[in-house]
Amino acid sequence: MQAWQVHENGEPSEVMRLAEVERPTPGDGQVLLRVRAANVNFPDALMVRGHYQVQPPLPFTPGVEICGETEDGRRVIANPALPHGGFAEYALADAAALLPAPESLDDAEAAALHIGYQTGWFALHRRARLEAGETLLVHAAAGGVGSAAVQLGKAAGATVIGVVGGAEKAAVARELGCDAVIDRRAEDVVGAVKQATAGRGADVVFDPVGGEAYTQSAKTVAFEGRIVVVGFASGTIPSPALNHALVKNYSILGLHWGLYNTRNPKLVQHCHEQLTELAARGAIRPLVSERVALDGAAAAVQRVADGVTTGRVAVVPQNGAAA
């Protein structure tokens, strides 16, 4: 079979190589899946660069999120068991963690319903307890995780403000349903949020960016608001001023979704059921901006690493169905 492999860490376009390899053999509790679609996530780029908190042994095949097909023909969503990731014709996954792919979504959309939407759901509902009528501020609102948070916020009855970088991404955020969109390249984010909220600020802030975005979050969060720290796409991990959280009465919440797979897997299943129901009634639909063949995976990972994509980029192997 064909699979992308990383033999040394570096930039995806330079170190990812497409090779002919043997199909992986399932270990205890694992299953072999034919990859129907694999979505590119920012952690894929971090793993290739050697900067992710979990680093598979070299050589490895990246690709942490797929829609696959079991040997008995079931269409499922899975996180591949690295080092046998999803940018290949076949991947391995833990049998106990397989989730049924929603019938309302095609392969690329089904794969995209997993990490980004699970992250958004846990951040907004489990950690921040977002309520209808509250204001939600989403950084990187046109990205893979941010676009999911926007849709989930709207489905929950919140007023959603999206922060993006550039006019093209601003247009995408508006199409996603943001009630207000702020282009950080052309506007003062803090001033624009305060204007949009009549000076009150946002009740919940969804921050997958870190760096300057977190500084803006702390300045724009409302009294008794909640900032959910989801990641650091900017490459800069902020150091919060806890005295500021004290005097302004807001909460700083962390969200590492992957921990729920080991600490509370039943909640992951419950979340998937909620997401499947929302997708079935059209309240959410993953934004898949590009579908590329397997030979385009390295370039796709590089584009995601460079922050120039919107929504999700899906890799659809030639043997996979793009239902």
C-alpha atoms as a PDB file:
ATOM      1  CA  MET A   1       0.000   0.000   0.000  1.00  0.00           C
ATOM      2  CA  GLN A   2       0.981   3.648  -0.253  1.00  0.00           C
ATOM      3  CA  ALA A   3       1.652   5.660   2.891  1.00  0.00           C
ATOM      4  CA  TRP A   4       3.347   8.927   3.789  1.00  0.00           C
ATOM      5  CA  GLN A   5       6.268   8.439   6.159  1.00  0.00           C
ATOM      6  CA  VAL A   6       8.369  10.747   8.292  1.00  0.00           C
ATOM      7  CA  HIS A   7      11.937   9.533   8.877  1.00  0.00           C
ATOM      8  CA  GLU A   8      13.210  12.788  10.360  1.00  0.00           C
ATOM      9  CA  ASN A   9      11.503  15.807  11.873  1.00  0.00           C
ATOM     10  CA  GLY A  10      11.195  19.041   9.932  1.00  0.00           C
ATOM     11  CA  GLU A  11       8.833  20.983   7.690  1.00  0.00           C
ATOM     12  CA  PRO A  12       6.094  18.714   6.245  1.00  0.00           C
ATOM     13  CA  SER A  13       6.836  19.615   2.623  1.00  0.00           C
ATOM     14  CA  GLU A  14      10.476  18.624   3.148  1.00  0.00           C
ATOM     15  CA  VAL A  15      10.392  15.485   5.310  1.00  0.00           C
ATOM     16  CA  MET A  16       7.136  13.701   4.418  1.00  0.00           C
ATOM     17  CA  ARG A  17       7.765  11.013   1.777  1.00  0.00           C
ATOM     18  CA  LEU A  18       5.212   8.870  -0.059  1.00  0.00           C
ATOM     19  CA  ALA A  19       6.356   5.240  -0.039  1.00  0.00           C
ATOM     20  CA  GLU A  20       5.188   1.743  -0.862  1.00  0.00           C
ATOM     21  CA  VAL A  21       4.971  -0.181   2.422  1.00  0.00           C
ATOM     22  CA  GLU A  22       3.370  -3.301   3.840  1.00  0.00           C
ATOM     23  CA  ARG A  23      -0.113  -3.054   5.292  1.00  0.00           C
ATOM     24  CA  PRO A  24       0.130  -2.691   9.080  1.00  0.00           C
ATOM     25  CA  THR A  25      -0.778  -5.727  11.158  1.00  0.00           C
ATOM     26  CA  PRO A  26      -3.343  -5.127  13.924  1.00  0.00           C
ATOM     27  CA  GLY A  27      -2.150  -5.679  17.455  1.00  0.00           C
ATOM     28  CA  ASP A  28      -4.215  -6.833  20.410  1.00  0.00           C
ATOM     29  CA  GLY A  29      -7.535  -4.951  20.425  1.00  0.00           C
ATOM     30  CA  GLN A  30      -6.818  -3.193  17.127  1.00  0.00           C
ATOM     31  CA  VAL A  31      -8.517  -3.299  13.727  1.00  0.00           C
ATOM     32  CA  LEU A  32      -7.304  -2.608  10.192  1.00  0.00           C
ATOM     33  CA  LEU A  33      -9.255   0.175   8.473  1.00  0.00           C
ATOM     34  CA  ARG A  34      -9.374   1.153   4.819  1.00  0.00           C
ATOM     35  CA  VAL A  35      -8.992   4.915   4.844  1.00  0.00           C
ATOM     36  CA  ARG A  36     -11.897   6.654   3.120  1.00  0.00           C
ATOM     37  CA  ALA A  37     -10.865  10.171   4.179  1.00  0.00           C
ATOM     38  CA  ALA A  38      -8.213  11.601   6.503  1.00  0.00           C
ATOM     39  CA  ASN A  39      -8.410  15.193   7.676  1.00  0.00           C
ATOM     40  CA  VAL A  40      -5.361  17.348   8.275  1.00  0.00           C
ATOM     41  CA  ASN A  41      -5.114  18.726  11.809  1.00  0.00           C
ATOM     42  CA  PHE A  42      -2.587  21.184  13.247  1.00  0.00           C
ATOM     43  CA  PRO A  43      -1.196  18.443  15.550  1.00  0.00           C
ATOM     44  CA  ASP A  44      -0.162  16.561  12.392  1.00  0.00           C
ATOM     45  CA  ALA A  45       2.113  19.452  11.473  1.00  0.00           C
ATOM     46  CA  LEU A  46       3.447  19.664  15.027  1.00  0.00           C
ATOM     47  CA  MET A  47       4.231  15.921  15.070  1.00  0.00           C
ATOM     48  CA  VAL A  48       6.056  16.151  11.754  1.00  0.00           C
ATOM     49  CA  ARG A  49       8.080  19.061  13.131  1.00  0.00           C
ATOM     50  CA  GLY A  50       8.734  17.166  16.370  1.00  0.00           C
ATOM     51  CA  HIS A  51       6.969  19.794  18.485  1.00  0.00           C
ATOM     52  CA  TYR A  52       3.891  17.900  19.691  1.00  0.00           C
ATOM     53  CA  GLN A  53       3.484  16.723  23.295  1.00  0.00           C
ATOM     54  CA  VAL A  54       3.026  13.145  22.063  1.00  0.00           C
ATOM     55  CA  GLN A  55       5.715  12.105  19.579  1.00  0.00           C
ATOM     56  CA  PRO A  56       5.463   8.742  17.794  1.00  0.00           C
ATOM     57  CA  PRO A  57       8.684   6.842  17.078  1.00  0.00           C
ATOM     58  CA  LEU A  58      10.363   7.410  13.715  1.00  0.00           C
ATOM     59  CA  PRO A  59       9.488   6.517  11.057  1.00  0.00           C
ATOM     60  CA  PHE A  60       5.762   7.190  11.371  1.00  0.00           C
ATOM     61  CA  THR A  61       2.766   7.953   9.192  1.00  0.00           C
ATOM     62  CA  PRO A  62       0.929  11.113  10.322  1.00  0.00           C
ATOM     63  CA  GLY A  63      -2.833  11.560  10.197  1.00  0.00           C
ATOM     64  CA  VAL A  64      -4.729  11.582  13.495  1.00  0.00           C
ATOM     65  CA  GLU A  65      -8.343  11.662  12.259  1.00  0.00           C
ATOM     66  CA  ILE A  66     -10.054   9.461   9.688  1.00  0.00           C
ATOM     67  CA  CYS A  67     -13.272   8.096   8.341  1.00  0.00           C
ATOM     68  CA  GLY A  68     -12.510   4.472   7.576  1.00  0.00           C
ATOM     69  CA  GLU A  69     -14.119   1.211   6.605  1.00  0.00           C
ATOM     70  CA  THR A  70     -13.888  -2.020   8.589  1.00  0.00           C
ATOM     71  CA  GLU A  71     -13.368  -5.403   6.989  1.00  0.00           C
ATOM     72  CA  ASP A  72     -17.078  -6.119   7.413  1.00  0.00           C
ATOM     73  CA  GLY A  73     -18.017  -2.896   5.609  1.00  0.00           C
ATOM     74  CA  ARG A  74     -18.908  -0.591   8.502  1.00  0.00           C
ATOM     75  CA  ARG A  75     -18.175   3.121   7.990  1.00  0.00           C
ATOM     76  CA  VAL A  76     -16.525   4.472  11.145  1.00  0.00           C
ATOM     77  CA  ILE A  77     -14.690   7.457  12.608  1.00  0.00           C
ATOM     78  CA  ALA A  78     -11.381   6.778  14.319  1.00  0.00           C
ATOM     79  CA  ASN A  79      -8.155   8.219  15.667  1.00  0.00           C
ATOM     80  CA  PRO A  80      -5.488   5.988  14.076  1.00  0.00           C
ATOM     81  CA  ALA A  81      -3.048   4.203  16.355  1.00  0.00           C
ATOM     82  CA  LEU A  82       0.289   5.815  15.585  1.00  0.00           C
ATOM     83  CA  PRO A  83       2.799   5.183  14.093  1.00  0.00           C
ATOM     84  CA  HIS A  84       0.281   3.873  11.530  1.00  0.00           C
ATOM     85  CA  GLY A  85      -1.601   7.112  10.881  1.00  0.00           C
ATOM     86  CA  GLY A  86      -4.251   8.128   8.396  1.00  0.00           C
ATOM     87  CA  PHE A  87      -2.265   9.527   5.464  1.00  0.00           C
ATOM     88  CA  ALA A  88      -2.171   6.090   3.891  1.00  0.00           C
ATOM     89  CA  GLU A  89      -4.444   3.624   2.160  1.00  0.00           C
ATOM     90  CA  TYR A  90      -4.844   1.623   5.384  1.00  0.00           C
ATOM     91  CA  ALA A  91      -4.482   2.498   9.060  1.00  0.00           C
ATOM     92  CA  LEU A  92      -4.815   0.858  12.465  1.00  0.00           C
ATOM     93  CA  ALA A  93      -7.194   1.902  15.241  1.00  0.00           C
ATOM     94  CA  ASP A  94      -8.347   0.674  18.638  1.00  0.00           C
ATOM     95  CA  ALA A  95     -11.506  -1.362  18.133  1.00  0.00           C
ATOM     96  CA  ALA A  96     -13.091  -0.134  21.374  1.00  0.00           C
ATOM     97  CA  ALA A  97     -12.794   3.521  20.324  1.00  0.00           C
ATOM     98  CA  LEU A  98     -14.489   3.292  16.919  1.00  0.00           C
ATOM     99  CA  LEU A  99     -17.488   5.571  16.414  1.00  0.00           C
ATOM    100  CA  PRO A 100     -20.195   5.159  13.753  1.00  0.00           C
ATOM    101  CA  ALA A 101     -19.909   7.692  10.927  1.00  0.00           C
ATOM    102  CA  PRO A 102     -23.100   9.802  10.669  1.00  0.00           C
ATOM    103  CA  GLU A 103     -25.163   8.954   7.600  1.00  0.00           C
ATOM    104  CA  SER A 104     -25.903  12.657   7.070  1.00  0.00           C
ATOM    105  CA  LEU A 105     -22.238  13.453   6.336  1.00  0.00           C
ATOM    106  CA  ASP A 106     -19.884  12.383   3.555  1.00  0.00           C
ATOM    107  CA  ASP A 107     -16.542  10.768   4.359  1.00  0.00           C
ATOM    108  CA  ALA A 108     -14.483  13.947   4.714  1.00  0.00           C
ATOM    109  CA  GLU A 109     -17.205  15.675   6.746  1.00  0.00           C
ATOM    110  CA  ALA A 110     -17.602  12.618   8.989  1.00  0.00           C
ATOM    111  CA  ALA A 111     -13.884  12.524   9.729  1.00  0.00           C
ATOM    112  CA  ALA A 112     -13.972  16.260  10.498  1.00  0.00           C
ATOM    113  CA  LEU A 113     -16.788  15.781  13.001  1.00  0.00           C
ATOM    114  CA  HIS A 114     -14.399  14.156  15.437  1.00  0.00           C
ATOM    115  CA  ILE A 115     -11.419  16.036  16.927  1.00  0.00           C
ATOM    116  CA  GLY A 116     -12.505  19.606  16.164  1.00  0.00           C
ATOM    117  CA  TYR A 117     -16.139  19.176  17.132  1.00  0.00           C
ATOM    118  CA  GLN A 118     -15.399  17.042  20.171  1.00  0.00           C
ATOM    119  CA  THR A 119     -12.935  19.724  21.272  1.00  0.00           C
ATOM    120  CA  GLY A 120     -15.511  22.445  20.696  1.00  0.00           C
ATOM    121  CA  TRP A 121     -18.285  20.545  22.486  1.00  0.00           C
ATOM    122  CA  PHE A 122     -16.156  19.707  25.548  1.00  0.00           C
ATOM    123  CA  ALA A 123     -14.778  23.249  25.705  1.00  0.00           C
ATOM    124  CA  LEU A 124     -18.131  25.002  25.443  1.00  0.00           C
ATOM    125  CA  HIS A 125     -20.430  22.576  27.244  1.00  0.00           C
ATOM    126  CA  ARG A 126     -18.300  20.533  29.648  1.00  0.00           C
ATOM    127  CA  ARG A 127     -15.769  23.167  30.689  1.00  0.00           C
ATOM    128  CA  ALA A 128     -17.343  26.598  30.119  1.00  0.00           C
ATOM    129  CA  ARG A 129     -21.022  25.597  30.553  1.00  0.00           C
ATOM    130  CA  LEU A 130     -22.100  27.948  27.772  1.00  0.00           C
ATOM    131  CA  GLU A 131     -25.731  29.045  28.093  1.00  0.00           C
ATOM    132  CA  ALA A 132     -28.218  30.307  25.527  1.00  0.00           C
ATOM    133  CA  GLY A 133     -28.145  34.088  25.313  1.00  0.00           C
ATOM    134  CA  GLU A 134     -24.479  34.398  26.293  1.00  0.00           C
ATOM    135  CA  THR A 135     -21.794  35.892  24.066  1.00  0.00           C
ATOM    136  CA  LEU A 136     -19.066  33.591  22.741  1.00  0.00           C
ATOM    137  CA  LEU A 137     -15.789  34.945  21.336  1.00  0.00           C
ATOM    138  CA  VAL A 138     -13.952  32.511  19.031  1.00  0.00           C
ATOM    139  CA  HIS A 139     -10.354  33.105  17.961  1.00  0.00           C
ATOM    140  CA  ALA A 140      -9.311  31.636  14.575  1.00  0.00           C
ATOM    141  CA  ALA A 141     -12.991  31.348  13.767  1.00  0.00           C
ATOM    142  CA  ALA A 142     -12.429  30.222  10.172  1.00  0.00           C
ATOM    143  CA  GLY A 143     -10.015  27.423  11.084  1.00  0.00           C
ATOM    144  CA  GLY A 144     -10.740  23.744  11.632  1.00  0.00           C
ATOM    145  CA  VAL A 145     -11.339  23.910  15.395  1.00  0.00           C
ATOM    146  CA  GLY A 146     -12.623  27.490  15.404  1.00  0.00           C
ATOM    147  CA  SER A 147     -15.247  26.843  12.726  1.00  0.00           C
ATOM    148  CA  ALA A 148     -16.572  23.949  14.821  1.00  0.00           C
ATOM    149  CA  ALA A 149     -16.812  26.185  17.893  1.00  0.00           C
ATOM    150  CA  VAL A 150     -18.711  28.816  15.896  1.00  0.00           C
ATOM    151  CA  GLN A 151     -21.310  26.301  14.719  1.00  0.00           C
ATOM    152  CA  LEU A 152     -21.665  24.717  18.156  1.00  0.00           C
ATOM    153  CA  GLY A 153     -22.027  28.136  19.776  1.00  0.00           C
ATOM    154  CA  LYS A 154     -24.797  29.104  17.376  1.00  0.00           C
ATOM    155  CA  ALA A 155     -26.506  25.740  17.912  1.00  0.00           C
ATOM    156  CA  ALA A 156     -26.445  26.437  21.662  1.00  0.00           C
ATOM    157  CA  GLY A 157     -28.179  29.792  21.225  1.00  0.00           C
ATOM    158  CA  ALA A 158     -25.164  32.023  21.849  1.00  0.00           C
ATOM    159  CA  THR A 159     -24.235  35.258  20.119  1.00  0.00           C
ATOM    160  CA  VAL A 160     -20.944  34.471  18.385  1.00  0.00           C
ATOM    161  CA  ILE A 161     -18.114  36.904  17.651  1.00  0.00           C
ATOM    162  CA  GLY A 162     -15.396  35.505  15.390  1.00  0.00           C
ATOM    163  CA  VAL A 163     -11.805  36.759  15.201  1.00  0.00           C
ATOM    164  CA  VAL A 164      -9.935  35.962  11.979  1.00  0.00           C
ATOM    165  CA  GLY A 165      -6.853  37.046  10.041  1.00  0.00           C
ATOM    166  CA  GLY A 166      -7.699  38.485   6.634  1.00  0.00           C
ATOM    167  CA  ALA A 167     -10.669  39.344   4.446  1.00  0.00           C
ATOM    168  CA  GLU A 168     -11.020  35.866   2.939  1.00  0.00           C
ATOM    169  CA  LYS A 169     -11.267  34.255   6.353  1.00  0.00           C
ATOM    170  CA  ALA A 170     -13.675  36.977   7.483  1.00  0.00           C
ATOM    171  CA  ALA A 171     -16.015  36.016   4.633  1.00  0.00           C
ATOM    172  CA  VAL A 172     -15.827  32.356   5.702  1.00  0.00           C
ATOM    173  CA  ALA A 173     -16.618  33.259   9.326  1.00  0.00           C
ATOM    174  CA  ARG A 174     -19.698  35.188   8.230  1.00  0.00           C
ATOM    175  CA  GLU A 175     -20.882  32.226   6.159  1.00  0.00           C
ATOM    176  CA  LEU A 176     -20.434  30.010   9.231  1.00  0.00           C
ATOM    177  CA  GLY A 177     -22.950  32.179  11.082  1.00  0.00           C
ATOM    178  CA  CYS A 178     -20.886  34.578  13.202  1.00  0.00           C
ATOM    179  CA  ASP A 179     -23.015  37.474  14.410  1.00  0.00           C
ATOM    180  CA  ALA A 180     -19.954  39.737  14.268  1.00  0.00           C
ATOM    181  CA  VAL A 181     -16.567  39.216  12.621  1.00  0.00           C
ATOM    182  CA  ILE A 182     -13.329  40.984  13.563  1.00  0.00           C
ATOM    183  CA  ASP A 183     -10.343  40.992  11.215  1.00  0.00           C
ATOM    184  CA  ARG A 184      -7.360  41.187  13.561  1.00  0.00           C
ATOM    185  CA  ARG A 185      -5.180  42.419  10.701  1.00  0.00           C
ATOM    186  CA  ALA A 186      -7.350  45.468  10.068  1.00  0.00           C
ATOM    187  CA  GLU A 187      -9.094  46.151  13.381  1.00  0.00           C
ATOM    188  CA  ASP A 188      -8.331  46.606  17.055  1.00  0.00           C
ATOM    189  CA  VAL A 189      -9.672  43.349  18.485  1.00  0.00           C
ATOM    190  CA  VAL A 190     -10.160  44.623  22.037  1.00  0.00           C
ATOM    191  CA  GLY A 191     -11.982  47.765  20.937  1.00  0.00           C
ATOM    192  CA  ALA A 192     -14.133  45.878  18.430  1.00  0.00           C
ATOM    193  CA  VAL A 193     -15.224  43.270  20.999  1.00  0.00           C
ATOM    194  CA  LYS A 194     -16.128  45.953  23.519  1.00  0.00           C
ATOM    195  CA  GLN A 195     -18.093  47.807  20.866  1.00  0.00           C
ATOM    196  CA  ALA A 196     -19.943  44.645  19.802  1.00  0.00           C
ATOM    197  CA  THR A 197     -20.864  43.852  23.424  1.00  0.00           C
ATOM    198  CA  ALA A 198     -21.696  47.399  24.568  1.00  0.00           C
ATOM    199  CA  GLY A 199     -18.609  47.332  26.779  1.00  0.00           C
ATOM    200  CA  ARG A 200     -19.552  44.170  28.655  1.00  0.00           C
ATOM    201  CA  GLY A 201     -17.200  41.704  26.985  1.00  0.00           C
ATOM    202  CA  ALA A 202     -17.612  38.028  26.106  1.00  0.00           C
ATOM    203  CA  ASP A 203     -19.046  35.506  28.552  1.00  0.00           C
ATOM    204  CA  VAL A 204     -17.004  32.669  27.041  1.00  0.00           C
ATOM    205  CA  VAL A 205     -13.763  32.915  25.048  1.00  0.00           C
ATOM    206  CA  PHE A 206     -12.593  29.962  22.930  1.00  0.00           C
ATOM    207  CA  ASP A 207      -8.846  30.318  22.374  1.00  0.00           C
ATOM    208  CA  PRO A 208      -6.889  27.795  20.267  1.00  0.00           C
ATOM    209  CA  VAL A 209      -4.256  30.407  19.395  1.00  0.00           C
ATOM    210  CA  GLY A 210      -2.486  31.653  22.538  1.00  0.00           C
ATOM    211  CA  GLY A 211       0.059  34.445  22.348  1.00  0.00           C
ATOM    212  CA  GLU A 212      -1.469  37.839  21.571  1.00  0.00           C
ATOM    213  CA  ALA A 213      -4.911  36.245  21.227  1.00  0.00           C
ATOM    214  CA  TYR A 214      -4.826  35.265  24.900  1.00  0.00           C
ATOM    215  CA  THR A 215      -3.843  38.818  25.894  1.00  0.00           C
ATOM    216  CA  GLN A 216      -6.880  40.052  23.957  1.00  0.00           C
ATOM    217  CA  SER A 217      -9.039  37.415  25.626  1.00  0.00           C
ATOM    218  CA  ALA A 218      -8.126  38.603  29.109  1.00  0.00           C
ATOM    219  CA  LYS A 219      -8.943  42.188  28.133  1.00  0.00           C
ATOM    220  CA  THR A 220     -12.304  41.332  26.615  1.00  0.00           C
ATOM    221  CA  VAL A 221     -13.716  38.632  28.902  1.00  0.00           C
ATOM    222  CA  ALA A 222     -16.807  39.685  30.847  1.00  0.00           C
ATOM    223  CA  PHE A 223     -17.361  39.716  34.605  1.00  0.00           C
ATOM    224  CA  GLU A 224     -17.598  36.055  35.690  1.00  0.00           C
ATOM    225  CA  GLY A 225     -16.611  35.061  32.146  1.00  0.00           C
ATOM    226  CA  ARG A 226     -14.672  31.951  31.183  1.00  0.00           C
ATOM    227  CA  ILE A 227     -11.595  31.698  28.960  1.00  0.00           C
ATOM    228  CA  VAL A 228     -11.077  28.183  27.590  1.00  0.00           C
ATOM    229  CA  VAL A 229      -7.463  27.514  26.601  1.00  0.00           C
ATOM    230  CA  VAL A 230      -7.560  24.972  23.758  1.00  0.00           C
ATOM    231  CA  GLY A 231      -4.139  25.275  22.122  1.00  0.00           C
ATOM    232  CA  PHE A 232      -1.280  27.480  21.003  1.00  0.00           C
ATOM    233  CA  ALA A 233      -1.409  27.699  17.209  1.00  0.00           C
ATOM    234  CA  SER A 234       0.533  30.967  17.413  1.00  0.00           C
ATOM    235  CA  GLY A 235       3.507  29.062  18.786  1.00  0.00           C
ATOM    236  CA  THR A 236       3.568  31.232  21.910  1.00  0.00           C
ATOM    237  CA  ILE A 237       2.359  29.896  25.266  1.00  0.00           C
ATOM    238  CA  PRO A 238       1.116  32.832  27.375  1.00  0.00           C
ATOM    239  CA  SER A 239       1.788  33.361  31.072  1.00  0.00           C
ATOM    240  CA  PRO A 240      -1.522  34.565  32.550  1.00  0.00           C
ATOM    241  CA  ALA A 241      -1.489  37.313  35.167  1.00  0.00           C
ATOM    242  CA  LEU A 242      -3.492  35.617  37.916  1.00  0.00           C
ATOM    243  CA  ASN A 243      -3.979  38.889  39.766  1.00  0.00           C
ATOM    244  CA  HIS A 244      -5.923  40.071  36.719  1.00  0.00           C
ATOM    245  CA  ALA A 245      -8.214  37.026  36.889  1.00  0.00           C
ATOM    246  CA  LEU A 246      -8.719  37.782  40.590  1.00  0.00           C
ATOM    247  CA  VAL A 247      -9.673  41.442  40.272  1.00  0.00           C
ATOM    248  CA  LYS A 248     -11.853  40.885  37.212  1.00  0.00           C
ATOM    249  CA  ASN A 249     -13.594  37.714  38.466  1.00  0.00           C
ATOM    250  CA  TYR A 250     -13.071  35.434  35.468  1.00  0.00           C
ATOM    251  CA  SER A 251     -12.041  31.801  35.102  1.00  0.00           C
ATOM    252  CA  ILE A 252      -9.201  30.309  33.061  1.00  0.00           C
ATOM    253  CA  LEU A 253     -10.085  26.776  31.967  1.00  0.00           C
ATOM    254  CA  GLY A 254      -7.897  24.235  30.232  1.00  0.00           C
ATOM    255  CA  LEU A 255      -9.180  21.712  27.709  1.00  0.00           C
ATOM    256  CA  HIS A 256      -7.107  18.717  26.604  1.00  0.00           C
ATOM    257  CA  TRP A 257      -9.739  16.646  24.820  1.00  0.00           C
ATOM    258  CA  GLY A 258      -7.513  13.601  24.386  1.00  0.00           C
ATOM    259  CA  LEU A 259      -7.539  12.934  28.136  1.00  0.00           C
ATOM    260  CA  TYR A 260     -11.240  12.084  28.028  1.00  0.00           C
ATOM    261  CA  ASN A 261     -10.483   9.065  25.837  1.00  0.00           C
ATOM    262  CA  THR A 262      -8.727   7.467  28.801  1.00  0.00           C
ATOM    263  CA  ARG A 263     -10.321   9.219  31.790  1.00  0.00           C
ATOM    264  CA  ASN A 264     -13.981   9.221  30.690  1.00  0.00           C
ATOM    265  CA  PRO A 265     -14.535   7.442  27.343  1.00  0.00           C
ATOM    266  CA  LYS A 266     -18.280   7.198  27.961  1.00  0.00           C
ATOM    267  CA  LEU A 267     -18.460  10.980  27.809  1.00  0.00           C
ATOM    268  CA  VAL A 268     -16.722  10.901  24.410  1.00  0.00           C
ATOM    269  CA  GLN A 269     -19.430   8.507  23.216  1.00  0.00           C
ATOM    270  CA  HIS A 270     -22.137  10.781  24.641  1.00  0.00           C
ATOM    271  CA  CYS A 271     -20.586  13.756  22.874  1.00  0.00           C
ATOM    272  CA  HIS A 272     -20.558  11.851  19.564  1.00  0.00           C
ATOM    273  CA  GLU A 273     -24.239  11.065  19.972  1.00  0.00           C
ATOM    274  CA  GLN A 274     -24.964  14.755  20.553  1.00  0.00           C
ATOM    275  CA  LEU A 275     -22.903  15.772  17.521  1.00  0.00           C
ATOM    276  CA  THR A 276     -24.553  13.135  15.328  1.00  0.00           C
ATOM    277  CA  GLU A 277     -27.980  14.453  16.298  1.00  0.00           C
ATOM    278  CA  LEU A 278     -26.952  18.053  15.578  1.00  0.00           C
ATOM    279  CA  ALA A 279     -25.568  17.011  12.188  1.00  0.00           C
ATOM    280  CA  ALA A 280     -28.718  15.046  11.343  1.00  0.00           C
ATOM    281  CA  ARG A 281     -30.906  18.121  11.811  1.00  0.00           C
ATOM    282  CA  GLY A 282     -28.480  20.395   9.997  1.00  0.00           C
ATOM    283  CA  ALA A 283     -27.469  22.472  13.013  1.00  0.00           C
ATOM    284  CA  ILE A 284     -23.787  21.741  12.332  1.00  0.00           C
ATOM    285  CA  ARG A 285     -21.902  20.682   9.202  1.00  0.00           C
ATOM    286  CA  PRO A 286     -18.105  20.484   9.072  1.00  0.00           C
ATOM    287  CA  LEU A 287     -16.476  22.953   6.718  1.00  0.00           C
ATOM    288  CA  VAL A 288     -14.259  20.952   4.357  1.00  0.00           C
ATOM    289  CA  SER A 289     -12.542  23.537   2.179  1.00  0.00           C
ATOM    290  CA  GLU A 290     -10.382  21.156   0.125  1.00  0.00           C
ATOM    291  CA  ARG A 291     -10.308  17.495  -0.846  1.00  0.00           C
ATOM    292  CA  VAL A 292      -6.943  16.304  -2.156  1.00  0.00           C
ATOM    293  CA  ALA A 293      -5.650  12.955  -3.405  1.00  0.00           C
ATOM    294  CA  LEU A 294      -3.203  10.967  -1.293  1.00  0.00           C
ATOM    295  CA  ASP A 295      -0.211  12.336  -3.220  1.00  0.00           C
ATOM    296  CA  GLY A 296      -1.177  15.859  -2.114  1.00  0.00           C
ATOM    297  CA  ALA A 297      -1.030  15.146   1.620  1.00  0.00           C
ATOM    298  CA  ALA A 298       2.399  16.656   2.349  1.00  0.00           C
ATOM    299  CA  ALA A 299       1.517  19.930   0.652  1.00  0.00           C
ATOM    300  CA  ALA A 300      -1.805  19.981   2.513  1.00  0.00           C
ATOM    301  CA  VAL A 301      -0.102  19.494   5.895  1.00  0.00           C
ATOM    302  CA  GLN A 302       2.311  22.305   5.020  1.00  0.00           C
ATOM    303  CA  ARG A 303      -0.575  24.675   4.194  1.00  0.00           C
ATOM    304  CA  VAL A 304      -2.219  23.913   7.519  1.00  0.00           C
ATOM    305  CA  ALA A 305       1.120  24.429   9.276  1.00  0.00           C
ATOM    306  CA  ASP A 306       1.451  27.810   7.556  1.00  0.00           C
ATOM    307  CA  GLY A 307      -2.033  28.884   8.678  1.00  0.00           C
ATOM    308  CA  VAL A 308      -3.347  29.633   5.184  1.00  0.00           C
ATOM    309  CA  THR A 309      -6.291  27.209   5.118  1.00  0.00           C
ATOM    310  CA  THR A 310      -9.893  27.520   6.237  1.00  0.00           C
ATOM    311  CA  GLY A 311     -11.975  24.758   7.812  1.00  0.00           C
ATOM    312  CA  ARG A 312     -10.562  21.293   7.173  1.00  0.00           C
ATOM    313  CA  VAL A 313      -8.443  19.937   4.337  1.00  0.00           C
ATOM    314  CA  ALA A 314      -9.276  16.287   3.625  1.00  0.00           C
ATOM    315  CA  VAL A 315      -6.983  13.697   2.083  1.00  0.00           C
ATOM    316  CA  VAL A 316      -9.028  11.155   0.115  1.00  0.00           C
ATOM    317  CA  PRO A 317      -6.937   8.147  -1.000  1.00  0.00           C
ATOM    318  CA  GLN A 318      -7.591   6.876  -4.522  1.00  0.00           C
ATOM    319  CA  ASN A 319      -9.043   3.665  -3.122  1.00  0.00           C
ATOM    320  CA  GLY A 320     -11.289   5.583  -0.733  1.00  0.00           C
ATOM    321  CA  ALA A 321     -14.865   6.550  -1.483  1.00  0.00           C
ATOM    322  CA  ALA A 322     -15.768  10.225  -1.341  1.00  0.00           C
ATOM    323  CA  ALA A 323     -19.405   9.410  -0.626  1.00  0.00           C
END
